[in-house]
Protein backbone atom coordinates (compact mmCIF):
# COMPACT_ATOMS: atom_id res chain seq x y z
CA MET A 1 1.20 -18.76 -37.03
CA MET A 2 3.64 -16.03 -36.17
CA GLU A 3 7.24 -16.16 -37.35
CA THR A 4 8.55 -12.98 -35.68
CA VAL A 5 7.70 -11.16 -32.48
CA VAL A 6 8.77 -7.49 -32.25
CA PHE A 7 8.79 -5.71 -28.91
CA ASP A 8 8.42 -2.03 -27.94
CA VAL A 9 10.88 -1.00 -25.22
CA GLY A 10 9.59 1.58 -22.72
CA GLU A 11 7.07 0.07 -20.28
CA THR A 12 7.00 -3.10 -22.37
CA LEU A 13 10.47 -4.46 -21.65
CA VAL A 14 11.95 -1.69 -19.52
CA ARG A 15 10.51 0.32 -16.63
CA ASP A 16 10.68 4.13 -17.17
CA ASP A 17 11.22 4.85 -13.49
CA ARG A 18 14.98 5.54 -13.75
CA TYR A 19 14.59 7.64 -16.92
CA TRP A 20 12.19 10.13 -15.33
CA ALA A 21 13.87 9.99 -11.92
CA SER A 22 17.17 11.02 -13.47
CA TRP A 23 15.53 14.01 -15.11
CA ALA A 24 14.02 15.05 -11.74
CA ASP A 25 17.43 14.83 -10.07
CA TRP A 26 19.09 16.78 -12.92
CA LEU A 27 16.45 19.54 -12.70
CA GLY A 28 16.53 19.51 -8.90
CA VAL A 29 12.76 18.80 -8.37
CA PRO A 30 10.94 15.96 -6.57
CA ARG A 31 10.71 12.79 -8.59
CA HIS A 32 6.96 12.59 -7.94
CA THR A 33 6.52 16.05 -9.51
CA VAL A 34 8.06 14.90 -12.76
CA SER A 35 6.14 11.64 -12.84
CA ALA A 36 2.90 13.46 -12.22
CA LEU A 37 3.52 16.05 -14.86
CA VAL A 38 4.53 13.37 -17.45
CA GLY A 39 1.26 11.60 -16.77
CA ALA A 40 -0.73 14.84 -17.02
CA VAL A 41 0.71 16.03 -20.36
CA VAL A 42 0.49 12.65 -22.02
CA ALA A 43 -3.13 12.25 -20.85
CA GLN A 44 -3.76 15.59 -22.60
CA GLY A 45 -2.30 14.18 -25.83
CA ARG A 46 0.92 16.24 -25.53
CA ASP A 47 4.57 15.25 -25.92
CA ASN A 48 5.95 13.86 -22.68
CA ALA A 49 8.88 16.27 -22.97
CA ASP A 50 6.37 19.03 -22.28
CA ALA A 51 6.67 18.01 -18.61
CA LEU A 52 10.23 19.29 -18.67
CA ARG A 53 9.16 22.49 -20.39
CA LEU A 54 6.60 23.06 -17.64
CA LEU A 55 9.29 22.69 -15.01
CA ARG A 56 11.77 24.88 -16.81
CA PRO A 57 10.19 27.13 -19.40
CA GLY A 58 12.41 27.64 -22.43
CA ILE A 59 14.36 24.39 -21.86
CA ASP A 60 15.85 22.67 -24.90
CA PRO A 61 15.41 18.97 -23.97
CA ALA A 62 17.94 17.84 -26.63
CA ALA A 63 20.59 20.24 -25.46
CA GLU A 64 19.95 19.39 -21.83
CA TYR A 65 20.20 15.67 -22.68
CA ALA A 66 23.60 16.32 -24.25
CA ALA A 67 24.70 18.27 -21.12
CA ARG A 68 23.65 15.34 -18.87
CA GLU A 69 25.65 12.93 -21.05
CA ALA A 70 28.68 15.24 -20.95
CA ALA A 71 28.43 15.43 -17.16
CA GLY A 72 28.40 11.64 -16.83
CA LEU A 73 24.74 11.64 -15.78
CA GLY A 74 23.21 10.34 -18.96
CA GLU A 75 21.00 7.33 -19.55
CA HIS A 76 21.68 4.08 -17.82
CA LEU A 77 20.12 0.66 -17.97
CA ASP A 78 20.87 -2.53 -16.14
CA GLU A 79 19.13 -5.78 -15.25
CA THR A 80 16.99 -4.10 -12.55
CA ASP A 81 15.32 -1.96 -15.19
CA LEU A 82 13.81 -5.01 -16.98
CA TYR A 83 10.38 -6.32 -16.14
CA ASP A 84 10.67 -9.80 -14.54
CA ASP A 85 9.02 -11.61 -17.41
CA VAL A 86 11.36 -10.24 -20.17
CA ARG A 87 14.14 -12.78 -20.21
CA PRO A 88 11.88 -15.82 -19.62
CA ALA A 89 9.45 -14.76 -22.35
CA LEU A 90 12.02 -13.82 -24.97
CA THR A 91 13.96 -17.01 -24.29
CA ALA A 92 10.87 -19.19 -24.56
CA LEU A 93 9.92 -17.52 -27.86
CA ARG A 94 13.36 -18.09 -29.35
CA GLN A 95 13.29 -21.71 -28.16
CA ALA A 96 9.91 -22.07 -29.93
CA GLY A 97 11.68 -21.10 -33.17
CA LEU A 98 10.48 -17.50 -33.50
CA ARG A 99 12.67 -14.57 -34.51
CA VAL A 100 12.75 -12.01 -31.69
CA VAL A 101 13.23 -8.34 -32.47
CA ILE A 102 13.32 -5.26 -30.13
CA ALA A 103 12.44 -2.01 -31.80
CA GLY A 104 11.18 1.12 -29.92
CA ASN A 105 11.32 4.86 -29.68
CA GLN A 106 14.59 5.30 -27.82
CA THR A 107 17.87 7.12 -28.42
CA ALA A 108 20.85 5.40 -30.04
CA ARG A 109 22.46 5.39 -26.63
CA VAL A 110 19.63 3.28 -25.23
CA GLY A 111 20.15 0.93 -28.18
CA GLU A 112 23.73 0.44 -27.07
CA LEU A 113 22.70 -0.13 -23.47
CA LEU A 114 20.07 -2.70 -24.45
CA ARG A 115 22.55 -4.57 -26.61
CA ASP A 116 24.99 -4.57 -23.67
CA LEU A 117 22.34 -6.42 -21.59
CA ASP A 118 22.68 -9.34 -24.07
CA LEU A 119 18.93 -10.00 -24.22
CA PRO A 120 17.76 -13.11 -26.04
CA ALA A 121 16.84 -11.19 -29.21
CA HIS A 122 18.11 -11.50 -32.74
CA ILE A 123 18.02 -7.69 -33.36
CA VAL A 124 17.92 -4.65 -31.11
CA ALA A 125 17.18 -1.32 -32.85
CA THR A 126 15.82 2.09 -31.80
CA SER A 127 14.34 5.09 -33.50
CA GLY A 128 17.69 6.84 -32.73
CA ASP A 129 19.51 4.16 -34.69
CA TRP A 130 17.10 4.44 -37.63
CA GLY A 131 16.47 8.15 -37.66
CA VAL A 132 12.75 7.68 -37.74
CA ALA A 133 10.25 7.20 -34.86
CA LYS A 134 6.84 5.74 -34.17
CA PRO A 135 4.09 6.25 -35.12
CA ARG A 136 5.51 7.12 -38.62
CA PRO A 137 4.93 4.39 -41.25
CA GLU A 138 8.59 4.50 -42.13
CA PHE A 139 9.46 3.07 -38.65
CA PHE A 140 7.26 0.04 -39.28
CA ARG A 141 8.72 -0.47 -42.72
CA ARG A 142 12.06 -0.74 -41.02
CA VAL A 143 10.54 -3.13 -38.51
CA LEU A 144 9.44 -5.43 -41.36
CA GLU A 145 12.87 -5.26 -42.91
CA VAL A 146 14.51 -6.60 -39.74
CA ALA A 147 11.65 -8.98 -38.94
CA GLN A 148 12.39 -10.91 -42.15
CA SER A 149 8.84 -12.29 -42.23
CA PRO A 150 5.56 -11.30 -43.96
CA ALA A 151 3.61 -8.62 -42.17
CA GLU A 152 0.74 -10.99 -41.32
CA ARG A 153 3.23 -13.32 -39.63
CA THR A 154 4.90 -10.55 -37.64
CA LEU A 155 3.54 -9.62 -34.24
CA TYR A 156 4.18 -6.19 -32.65
CA VAL A 157 3.87 -5.98 -28.90
CA GLY A 158 3.45 -2.68 -27.09
CA ASP A 159 1.70 -0.72 -24.34
CA HIS A 160 0.84 2.44 -26.27
CA PRO A 161 -2.23 2.22 -28.52
CA ALA A 162 -1.48 5.34 -30.54
CA ASN A 163 2.27 4.67 -31.01
CA ASP A 164 2.28 0.88 -31.09
CA ILE A 165 -1.00 -0.78 -31.88
CA GLY A 166 -2.61 1.56 -34.46
CA PRO A 167 0.37 2.20 -36.68
CA ALA A 168 1.60 -1.38 -36.53
CA ALA A 169 -1.85 -2.63 -37.62
CA ALA A 170 -1.91 0.03 -40.36
CA ALA A 171 1.34 -1.49 -41.68
CA GLY A 172 -0.27 -4.88 -41.83
CA LEU A 173 1.34 -6.39 -38.72
CA ARG A 174 -0.55 -8.38 -36.13
CA THR A 175 -0.71 -6.63 -32.70
CA ALA A 176 -0.77 -7.44 -29.00
CA HIS A 177 -1.61 -4.69 -26.55
CA LEU A 178 0.19 -5.08 -23.24
CA ARG A 179 -1.73 -3.81 -20.17
CA ARG A 180 1.41 -2.55 -18.39
CA GLY A 181 2.75 0.78 -17.24
CA PRO A 182 0.83 4.08 -17.13
CA TRP A 183 -0.18 4.20 -20.79
CA GLY A 184 -1.04 0.51 -21.02
CA HIS A 185 -3.45 0.99 -18.17
CA LEU A 186 -4.70 4.49 -18.94
CA TRP A 187 -5.75 3.61 -22.50
CA ALA A 188 -6.60 -0.04 -22.02
CA ASP A 189 -10.30 0.55 -22.66
CA GLN A 190 -9.89 2.87 -25.65
CA ASP A 191 -10.90 1.66 -29.09
CA ALA A 192 -7.32 1.73 -30.32
CA ALA A 193 -6.24 -0.78 -27.65
CA ALA A 194 -9.35 -2.89 -28.08
CA ALA A 195 -8.57 -3.15 -31.78
CA ALA A 196 -5.42 -5.14 -31.09
CA ASP A 197 -5.53 -8.76 -32.16
CA TRP A 198 -4.67 -9.81 -28.63
CA ARG A 199 -4.79 -8.26 -25.18
CA ILE A 200 -2.22 -9.52 -22.67
CA ASP A 201 -1.24 -8.79 -19.13
CA SER A 202 2.23 -10.51 -19.27
CA LEU A 203 4.82 -11.22 -21.88
CA MET A 204 4.44 -14.88 -20.97
CA ASP A 205 0.93 -14.75 -22.42
CA LEU A 206 2.65 -14.50 -25.85
CA LEU A 207 3.47 -18.21 -25.73
CA ASP A 208 -0.25 -18.88 -26.23
CA VAL A 209 -0.65 -16.23 -28.82
CA VAL A 210 2.15 -17.17 -31.27
CA GLY A 211 0.58 -20.47 -32.25
CA HIS A 212 -2.56 -18.81 -33.48
């Protein structure tokens, strides 16, 4: 039986719509253009920031991110960015006696915004907080530190086979692939996703998983 459930953030708990829409508005291009380019570069196995580089050759995404923050147009999250099953599922897992952890590849600022939402989680951490990102093994070592449970009793839930499922399994964690968002659907039939211990379509499905 599982003791801890750890959640990815983007397209697992939070929709990425606002994130990419804000970049489109900042760069002065249609939102659909940005979304389509993000999908195209990631499907090619490239960094999603390459979509910004295609739109503005020579752009420094980190410097531009800082400029947005300085202009008061930086990242924002509120209740409307959460998928509808997030609070019910996390609450039910806690009530079932499990430790709930949120840990994904986001900035330290997103970590602050997530904590401000007062989600029913014991710990909220991001790669920006830790200084190490998925899929590096060090990230999952940090996950196990905050999980406070053995790897085989820790479940990592995510939509991205290469960033979530594969490296979490390599670290000894159990895994659940969530068929949600562009990457969760695009790669749902790939071997990396199929290798997950469980395949789910909703976070509420985890209530059946954790007793196994």
